[in-house]
Amino acid sequence: MILNKSKFVVSGLLPVFFALAVSCSNEDDYMPESPLTDDGAIRFAASTEFSRAGDITTNNLKSFNVYAYTGTTLSPVTFMDNVVVSKTSSNVWTYSPLQYWPAKQTVDFYAFAPSTWVSSDGPLHPVAYDAVNGTEDIVYAVSPGLTGNAGVANAQVLFNFRHALSKLSIKMSSTNTELKVIVSNVTMSNIMTRGNFKFPSGSTAEAASPETVGKWTDQNTPNTYILHWSQSLSEQLTLTSTPTLIAAAGLGRGGEMYVLPQPLTYRSQGLGKDTSIAVQCSIFDANSGERLWPNENTPEENLINGSTTGDGLLHFPLSTNRYSEWQPGVHYIYNLVINSNEEMGAIEFGNPTVDTFIDVEQTYE
């Protein structure tokens, strides 16, 4: 749980731009039970932070992998080497062969799912990861410094999994009923897709802190995502007052995405490195059908030469005045609200001229 639920509002030149960051809670947690036993065997139970459809949750987590170490931080000794722990139909977590608590030693446990994202080097080293597809949720858990709890029935290693990535949704709407906004294409630029993840040293069952939350470093390899790309007029989007998730259409991948936590660049001084959303669209008068934007007053940077539909281009920064980076375990919802302002067919004033006074002189005697 990284951030409390909050709402951020940012005003731009053309639209109003809303961003909602939603953190995770534990409302979906439940603990599957293992058979009562005091035989000294190591057993597992797991929960995850509450998430929505498509995310890894307590209910749909079917297996996870475990590394465990004894010894010291400087000289760790592998105790469990990438062991697969699976949930049975009766909600019991099992693995084979069964391991037993080592005498007079503490054990540090590291777990993750799915099984493919941590390499054979294990979790004690930075884990390289590529999130370019944006379709995979990955989770991790740490339970350090545990001993066997001899004589205690049903003793378990309890894992609380955290989400390692950020989640992203892009929505669009127009609340001005006098306008008709038609969107052809939506892209998102300069999103870093590769980085290194470092597992935390503290228990992920504790409150979020630098010691209990994993850290991403060395984010690199920027990518441009095509969220929506109309290949025909029938695939264009007509915005309504209801915020609509940009879903896959044409060549676009759309939908919810899992992205690398990363700093967000704003106004890179013309270097073209801004993390931003670009929207190709046209805006019409809803009643007359007259095109209001782009028009003769639209700046060159917002024009698209050769556009067969006469569209203009809008840019929305992903960095806001409230946050300038994506945090792990947070769902960021951007709602792009495109409404009218002075740039859309507004009354313009040119250079004024003033007529010379005409002298009319009347003399009274």
Protein backbone atom coordinates (compact mmCIF):
# COMPACT_ATOMS: atom_id res chain seq x y z
CA MET A 1 0.00 0.00 0.00
CA ILE A 2 1.95 2.99 -1.25
CA LEU A 3 -0.45 5.94 -1.47
CA ASN A 4 -3.76 6.81 0.10
CA LYS A 5 -6.67 7.19 -2.27
CA SER A 6 -6.50 10.70 -3.70
CA LYS A 7 -7.45 12.80 -6.69
CA PHE A 8 -5.32 15.23 -8.64
CA VAL A 9 -6.57 17.97 -10.99
CA VAL A 10 -4.43 19.71 -13.58
CA SER A 11 -5.51 22.47 -15.96
CA GLY A 12 -4.07 22.76 -19.46
CA LEU A 13 -4.44 25.18 -22.37
CA LEU A 14 -7.15 23.20 -24.12
CA PRO A 15 -8.63 20.54 -21.82
CA VAL A 16 -9.18 19.93 -18.20
CA PHE A 17 -7.06 16.93 -17.16
CA PHE A 18 -7.93 14.63 -14.23
CA ALA A 19 -5.64 11.96 -12.76
CA LEU A 20 -6.72 9.52 -10.08
CA ALA A 21 -4.15 7.45 -8.22
CA VAL A 22 -5.62 4.47 -6.38
CA SER A 23 -3.59 2.44 -3.95
CA CYS A 24 -4.26 -1.11 -2.83
CA SER A 25 -6.08 -2.27 0.28
CA ASN A 26 -6.51 -5.66 1.88
CA GLU A 27 -10.27 -6.06 1.45
CA ASP A 28 -9.84 -9.17 -0.69
CA ASP A 29 -7.52 -11.04 1.68
CA TYR A 30 -8.24 -14.42 3.13
CA MET A 31 -5.94 -17.03 4.63
CA PRO A 32 -6.23 -20.62 3.39
CA GLU A 33 -5.57 -22.99 6.25
CA SER A 34 -3.13 -25.87 6.44
CA PRO A 35 -3.88 -29.03 8.41
CA LEU A 36 -3.08 -28.69 12.12
CA THR A 37 0.36 -30.05 12.81
CA ASP A 38 3.35 -29.53 15.07
CA ASP A 39 5.84 -31.71 13.21
CA GLY A 40 8.27 -28.85 12.56
CA ALA A 41 7.61 -28.71 8.81
CA ILE A 42 7.68 -25.39 6.99
CA ARG A 43 4.27 -24.48 5.56
CA PHE A 44 3.02 -21.43 3.72
CA ALA A 45 0.02 -19.13 3.51
CA ALA A 46 -0.40 -16.12 1.26
CA SER A 47 -2.45 -12.98 0.78
CA THR A 48 -2.20 -10.13 -1.70
CA GLU A 49 -3.25 -6.53 -1.71
CA PHE A 50 -6.75 -5.99 -3.10
CA SER A 51 -6.84 -5.37 -6.84
CA ARG A 52 -9.23 -5.36 -9.75
CA ALA A 53 -9.87 -7.59 -12.74
CA GLY A 54 -6.69 -8.69 -14.47
CA ASP A 55 -4.53 -8.28 -11.37
CA ILE A 56 -3.04 -11.01 -9.21
CA THR A 57 -5.24 -11.36 -6.12
CA THR A 58 -5.56 -13.70 -3.17
CA ASN A 59 -8.36 -15.56 -4.93
CA ASN A 60 -6.65 -16.09 -8.27
CA LEU A 61 -3.10 -16.65 -7.00
CA LYS A 62 -2.61 -20.36 -7.73
CA SER A 63 1.14 -20.68 -7.19
CA PHE A 64 4.24 -18.75 -6.25
CA ASN A 65 7.97 -19.43 -6.09
CA VAL A 66 10.13 -19.28 -2.95
CA TYR A 67 13.79 -18.70 -2.23
CA ALA A 68 14.95 -18.98 1.37
CA TYR A 69 18.31 -18.27 2.99
CA THR A 70 20.04 -18.90 6.29
CA GLY A 71 23.36 -17.41 7.33
CA THR A 72 24.04 -13.67 7.32
CA THR A 73 23.37 -10.83 4.92
CA LEU A 74 27.00 -10.86 3.80
CA SER A 75 27.21 -14.66 3.66
CA PRO A 76 23.76 -16.07 2.81
CA VAL A 77 23.31 -19.81 2.48
CA THR A 78 20.61 -21.08 0.13
CA PHE A 79 18.01 -23.08 2.04
CA MET A 80 15.21 -23.19 -0.57
CA ASP A 81 16.10 -22.77 -4.24
CA ASN A 82 13.18 -21.58 -6.38
CA VAL A 83 10.63 -23.93 -4.80
CA VAL A 84 7.16 -23.89 -6.38
CA VAL A 85 4.32 -23.59 -3.84
CA SER A 86 0.87 -24.43 -5.24
CA LYS A 87 -2.67 -24.16 -3.89
CA THR A 88 -4.80 -27.29 -3.85
CA SER A 89 -8.53 -27.47 -4.50
CA SER A 90 -9.05 -27.38 -0.72
CA ASN A 91 -7.09 -24.09 -0.43
CA VAL A 92 -3.97 -25.63 1.12
CA TRP A 93 -0.56 -24.43 -0.03
CA THR A 94 1.75 -27.37 -0.75
CA TYR A 95 5.23 -28.02 -2.13
CA SER A 96 7.58 -30.97 -2.48
CA PRO A 97 9.81 -32.19 -0.96
CA LEU A 98 8.69 -30.89 2.43
CA GLN A 99 11.33 -28.82 4.27
CA TYR A 100 11.83 -28.57 8.05
CA TRP A 101 12.93 -25.67 10.18
CA PRO A 102 16.70 -25.67 10.73
CA ALA A 103 17.78 -25.80 14.38
CA LYS A 104 19.00 -22.58 15.99
CA GLN A 105 18.91 -20.61 12.73
CA THR A 106 16.72 -17.90 11.31
CA VAL A 107 15.42 -18.10 7.74
CA ASP A 108 14.74 -15.25 5.32
CA PHE A 109 11.96 -16.10 2.83
CA TYR A 110 11.43 -14.41 -0.55
CA ALA A 111 8.43 -15.19 -2.77
CA PHE A 112 7.17 -13.98 -6.13
CA ALA A 113 4.64 -14.66 -8.90
CA PRO A 114 4.45 -15.41 -11.73
CA SER A 115 7.41 -17.76 -11.82
CA THR A 116 9.13 -16.26 -14.86
CA TRP A 117 10.05 -12.75 -13.76
CA VAL A 118 12.85 -13.59 -11.30
CA SER A 119 15.89 -15.22 -12.92
CA SER A 120 17.89 -18.15 -11.59
CA ASP A 121 20.19 -15.67 -9.83
CA GLY A 122 17.45 -15.31 -7.22
CA PRO A 123 16.09 -12.29 -5.31
CA LEU A 124 19.26 -11.25 -3.47
CA HIS A 125 20.55 -9.60 -6.63
CA PRO A 126 18.85 -6.85 -8.66
CA VAL A 127 16.25 -8.51 -10.90
CA ALA A 128 16.19 -7.29 -14.50
CA TYR A 129 12.68 -7.00 -15.92
CA ASP A 130 11.13 -5.90 -19.21
CA ALA A 131 7.56 -4.55 -18.97
CA VAL A 132 7.24 -3.61 -22.64
CA ASN A 133 4.12 -5.74 -23.20
CA GLY A 134 2.29 -4.07 -20.33
CA THR A 135 0.01 -7.09 -19.84
CA GLU A 136 1.59 -8.85 -16.83
CA ASP A 137 1.02 -8.11 -13.15
CA ILE A 138 3.96 -9.21 -10.97
CA VAL A 139 3.95 -9.55 -7.16
CA TYR A 140 6.56 -10.20 -4.47
CA ALA A 141 6.72 -10.91 -0.73
CA VAL A 142 9.40 -11.03 1.96
CA SER A 143 9.23 -12.69 5.40
CA PRO A 144 12.66 -12.36 7.02
CA GLY A 145 14.21 -13.61 10.25
CA LEU A 146 11.81 -16.50 10.98
CA THR A 147 12.40 -19.49 13.24
CA GLY A 148 10.55 -22.77 13.64
CA ASN A 149 8.03 -21.97 16.39
CA ALA A 150 8.54 -25.48 17.80
CA GLY A 151 5.43 -26.97 19.39
CA VAL A 152 3.05 -24.38 17.89
CA ALA A 153 0.27 -26.01 15.87
CA ASN A 154 -0.38 -24.81 12.35
CA ALA A 155 2.73 -22.58 12.24
CA GLN A 156 3.05 -21.03 8.81
CA VAL A 157 5.19 -18.63 6.84
CA LEU A 158 2.69 -15.88 6.05
CA PHE A 159 3.39 -13.99 2.84
CA ASN A 160 1.72 -10.66 2.07
CA PHE A 161 2.38 -9.98 -1.61
CA ARG A 162 2.81 -6.47 -2.96
CA HIS A 163 2.43 -5.41 -6.59
CA ALA A 164 5.82 -4.53 -8.09
CA LEU A 165 4.54 -2.51 -11.04
CA SER A 166 2.32 0.52 -11.46
CA LYS A 167 -1.04 0.18 -13.18
CA LEU A 168 -2.27 2.65 -15.78
CA SER A 169 -5.66 3.50 -17.32
CA ILE A 170 -6.30 6.26 -19.86
CA LYS A 171 -9.86 7.57 -20.12
CA MET A 172 -11.33 10.32 -22.27
CA SER A 173 -14.50 12.42 -22.16
CA SER A 174 -16.03 15.76 -23.14
CA THR A 175 -18.51 17.40 -20.81
CA ASN A 176 -19.48 20.26 -23.13
CA THR A 177 -22.71 19.16 -24.86
CA GLU A 178 -22.30 21.91 -27.47
CA LEU A 179 -19.20 20.17 -28.81
CA LYS A 180 -18.61 16.98 -30.76
CA VAL A 181 -15.08 15.66 -30.19
CA ILE A 182 -13.90 12.94 -32.57
CA VAL A 183 -10.64 11.15 -31.75
CA SER A 184 -8.62 9.31 -34.40
CA ASN A 185 -5.45 8.25 -32.58
CA VAL A 186 -4.04 8.18 -29.05
CA THR A 187 -0.38 7.48 -28.24
CA MET A 188 1.76 7.57 -25.09
CA SER A 189 5.45 8.43 -25.43
CA ASN A 190 8.76 8.01 -23.61
CA ILE A 191 7.63 5.29 -21.21
CA MET A 192 10.64 3.40 -19.82
CA THR A 193 10.11 -0.34 -20.18
CA ARG A 194 13.20 -1.94 -18.61
CA GLY A 195 14.70 -1.68 -15.15
CA ASN A 196 16.14 -3.53 -12.17
CA PHE A 197 14.05 -4.50 -9.15
CA LYS A 198 15.54 -4.88 -5.68
CA PHE A 199 13.57 -6.89 -3.12
CA PRO A 200 13.13 -5.11 0.23
CA SER A 201 14.92 -6.24 3.37
CA GLY A 202 11.89 -5.94 5.66
CA SER A 203 8.64 -7.86 5.85
CA THR A 204 6.05 -6.94 3.23
CA ALA A 205 3.39 -7.63 5.88
CA GLU A 206 4.49 -4.44 7.64
CA ALA A 207 3.39 -0.91 6.78
CA ALA A 208 4.90 0.53 3.62
CA SER A 209 8.35 2.06 4.13
CA PRO A 210 11.69 2.12 2.26
CA GLU A 211 12.57 -1.12 4.09
CA THR A 212 9.36 -3.00 3.22
CA VAL A 213 8.73 -1.90 -0.39
CA GLY A 214 10.83 -3.02 -3.34
CA LYS A 215 12.75 -0.43 -5.34
CA TRP A 216 13.23 0.04 -9.08
CA THR A 217 16.46 1.47 -10.48
CA ASP A 218 18.16 1.97 -13.86
CA GLN A 219 14.91 2.44 -15.78
CA ASN A 220 15.74 2.58 -19.49
CA THR A 221 14.57 1.80 -23.04
CA PRO A 222 11.82 4.36 -23.75
CA ASN A 223 8.85 3.15 -25.78
CA THR A 224 5.88 4.74 -27.53
CA TYR A 225 2.58 2.92 -26.98
CA ILE A 226 -0.20 3.18 -29.53
CA LEU A 227 -3.31 3.11 -27.35
CA HIS A 228 -5.85 3.71 -30.13
CA TRP A 229 -5.25 3.94 -33.88
CA SER A 230 -8.21 4.27 -36.24
CA GLN A 231 -7.74 2.48 -39.53
CA SER A 232 -11.13 3.66 -40.79
CA LEU A 233 -13.70 6.34 -39.97
CA SER A 234 -15.82 3.71 -38.23
CA GLU A 235 -13.06 3.17 -35.66
CA GLN A 236 -12.89 6.83 -34.62
CA LEU A 237 -14.04 7.64 -31.08
CA THR A 238 -16.79 10.18 -30.39
CA LEU A 239 -16.38 11.36 -26.82
CA THR A 240 -19.28 11.60 -24.37
CA SER A 241 -19.61 13.07 -20.88
CA THR A 242 -18.87 9.62 -19.40
CA PRO A 243 -15.14 8.92 -19.00
CA THR A 244 -14.42 5.98 -21.30
CA LEU A 245 -11.39 3.72 -21.08
CA ILE A 246 -9.36 3.84 -24.27
CA ALA A 247 -9.81 0.23 -25.35
CA ALA A 248 -7.97 -1.68 -28.03
CA ALA A 249 -9.10 -0.83 -31.57
CA GLY A 250 -7.46 -0.86 -34.96
CA LEU A 251 -3.71 -1.02 -34.35
CA GLY A 252 -4.01 0.19 -30.74
CA ARG A 253 -3.37 -1.98 -27.68
CA GLY A 254 -5.53 0.09 -25.28
CA GLY A 255 -6.99 -1.12 -22.01
CA GLU A 256 -5.36 -1.24 -18.59
CA MET A 257 -1.57 -1.53 -18.55
CA TYR A 258 1.11 -2.58 -16.06
CA VAL A 259 4.05 -0.21 -16.37
CA LEU A 260 7.44 0.21 -14.79
CA PRO A 261 7.47 2.62 -11.81
CA GLN A 262 9.53 5.58 -13.02
CA PRO A 263 10.13 9.32 -12.91
CA LEU A 264 7.94 11.31 -15.29
CA THR A 265 9.67 13.94 -17.41
CA TYR A 266 7.80 17.24 -17.85
CA ARG A 267 8.88 19.94 -20.28
CA SER A 268 12.23 18.54 -21.41
CA GLN A 269 13.14 21.89 -22.96
CA GLY A 270 12.54 20.77 -26.52
CA LEU A 271 14.52 17.55 -26.19
CA GLY A 272 11.46 15.44 -27.00
CA LYS A 273 11.75 13.36 -23.82
CA ASP A 274 8.46 14.35 -22.19
CA THR A 275 6.39 11.46 -20.83
CA SER A 276 3.08 12.48 -22.37
CA ILE A 277 -0.09 11.44 -24.13
CA ALA A 278 -0.77 12.69 -27.65
CA VAL A 279 -4.35 12.84 -28.97
CA GLN A 280 -5.14 13.32 -32.66
CA CYS A 281 -8.65 14.72 -32.89
CA SER A 282 -11.07 17.25 -34.34
CA ILE A 283 -13.67 19.33 -32.49
CA PHE A 284 -16.95 20.38 -34.07
CA ASP A 285 -20.00 22.43 -33.16
CA ALA A 286 -22.52 19.77 -32.11
CA ASN A 287 -25.46 21.55 -33.75
CA SER A 288 -24.08 22.98 -36.99
CA GLY A 289 -21.28 20.48 -37.58
CA GLU A 290 -18.83 23.33 -38.16
CA ARG A 291 -15.22 22.49 -37.35
CA LEU A 292 -14.04 24.60 -34.40
CA TRP A 293 -10.57 23.08 -33.91
CA PRO A 294 -8.05 23.01 -35.43
CA ASN A 295 -8.56 26.35 -37.12
CA GLU A 296 -6.58 29.21 -38.62
CA ASN A 297 -5.44 30.31 -35.17
CA THR A 298 -4.09 26.90 -34.11
CA PRO A 299 -0.32 26.93 -33.44
CA GLU A 300 1.88 25.03 -35.89
CA GLU A 301 2.88 22.53 -33.19
CA ASN A 302 -0.74 21.41 -32.90
CA LEU A 303 -1.30 20.91 -36.63
CA ILE A 304 -0.90 17.59 -38.47
CA ASN A 305 0.18 18.15 -42.05
CA GLY A 306 -1.40 15.62 -44.38
CA SER A 307 -4.14 14.48 -41.99
CA THR A 308 -6.95 13.15 -44.17
CA THR A 309 -9.49 14.10 -41.50
CA GLY A 310 -8.02 17.55 -40.79
CA ASP A 311 -7.16 16.63 -37.21
CA GLY A 312 -5.04 18.57 -34.76
CA LEU A 313 -2.73 17.22 -32.08
CA LEU A 314 -3.09 17.72 -28.32
CA HIS A 315 -0.38 16.88 -25.77
CA PHE A 316 -1.08 15.97 -22.14
CA PRO A 317 1.78 15.61 -19.62
CA LEU A 318 1.75 12.49 -17.47
CA SER A 319 3.58 14.37 -14.73
CA THR A 320 1.35 16.61 -12.61
CA ASN A 321 1.96 19.32 -10.03
CA ARG A 322 1.15 16.78 -7.31
CA TYR A 323 3.39 13.88 -8.36
CA SER A 324 6.22 13.45 -10.82
CA GLU A 325 6.73 9.68 -10.76
CA TRP A 326 4.75 6.44 -10.79
CA GLN A 327 4.98 4.39 -7.61
CA PRO A 328 4.69 0.57 -7.41
CA GLY A 329 1.34 -0.80 -6.33
CA VAL A 330 -0.60 2.30 -7.41
CA HIS A 331 -3.26 2.45 -10.13
CA TYR A 332 -3.07 5.75 -12.02
CA ILE A 333 -6.24 6.73 -13.87
CA TYR A 334 -5.90 9.64 -16.29
CA ASN A 335 -9.13 11.20 -17.51
CA LEU A 336 -8.59 13.56 -20.43
CA VAL A 337 -11.53 15.97 -20.59
CA ILE A 338 -11.55 17.91 -23.87
CA ASN A 339 -13.69 21.04 -23.71
CA SER A 340 -13.81 24.42 -25.42
CA ASN A 341 -11.74 27.46 -24.58
CA GLU A 342 -10.46 30.56 -26.30
CA GLU A 343 -8.50 28.61 -28.91
CA MET A 344 -11.61 27.04 -30.42
CA GLY A 345 -13.22 29.56 -32.73
CA ALA A 346 -12.96 32.33 -30.13
CA ILE A 347 -13.43 36.03 -30.90
CA GLU A 348 -10.03 37.44 -31.87
CA PHE A 349 -8.99 41.12 -31.86
CA GLY A 350 -6.56 42.42 -34.49
CA ASN A 351 -4.55 45.66 -34.59
CA PRO A 352 -6.94 48.58 -33.94
CA THR A 353 -7.33 51.71 -36.08
CA VAL A 354 -8.80 55.03 -34.91
CA ASP A 355 -10.62 57.44 -37.21
CA THR A 356 -9.40 61.07 -37.10
CA PHE A 357 -11.77 63.51 -35.44
CA ILE A 358 -13.66 65.72 -37.83
CA ASP A 359 -13.48 69.35 -36.76
CA VAL A 360 -16.90 70.99 -36.62
CA GLU A 361 -16.71 74.54 -35.43
CA GLN A 362 -19.76 76.57 -34.55
CA THR A 363 -19.39 80.25 -33.75
CA TYR A 364 -22.04 82.14 -31.88
CA GLU A 365 -22.14 85.89 -32.11
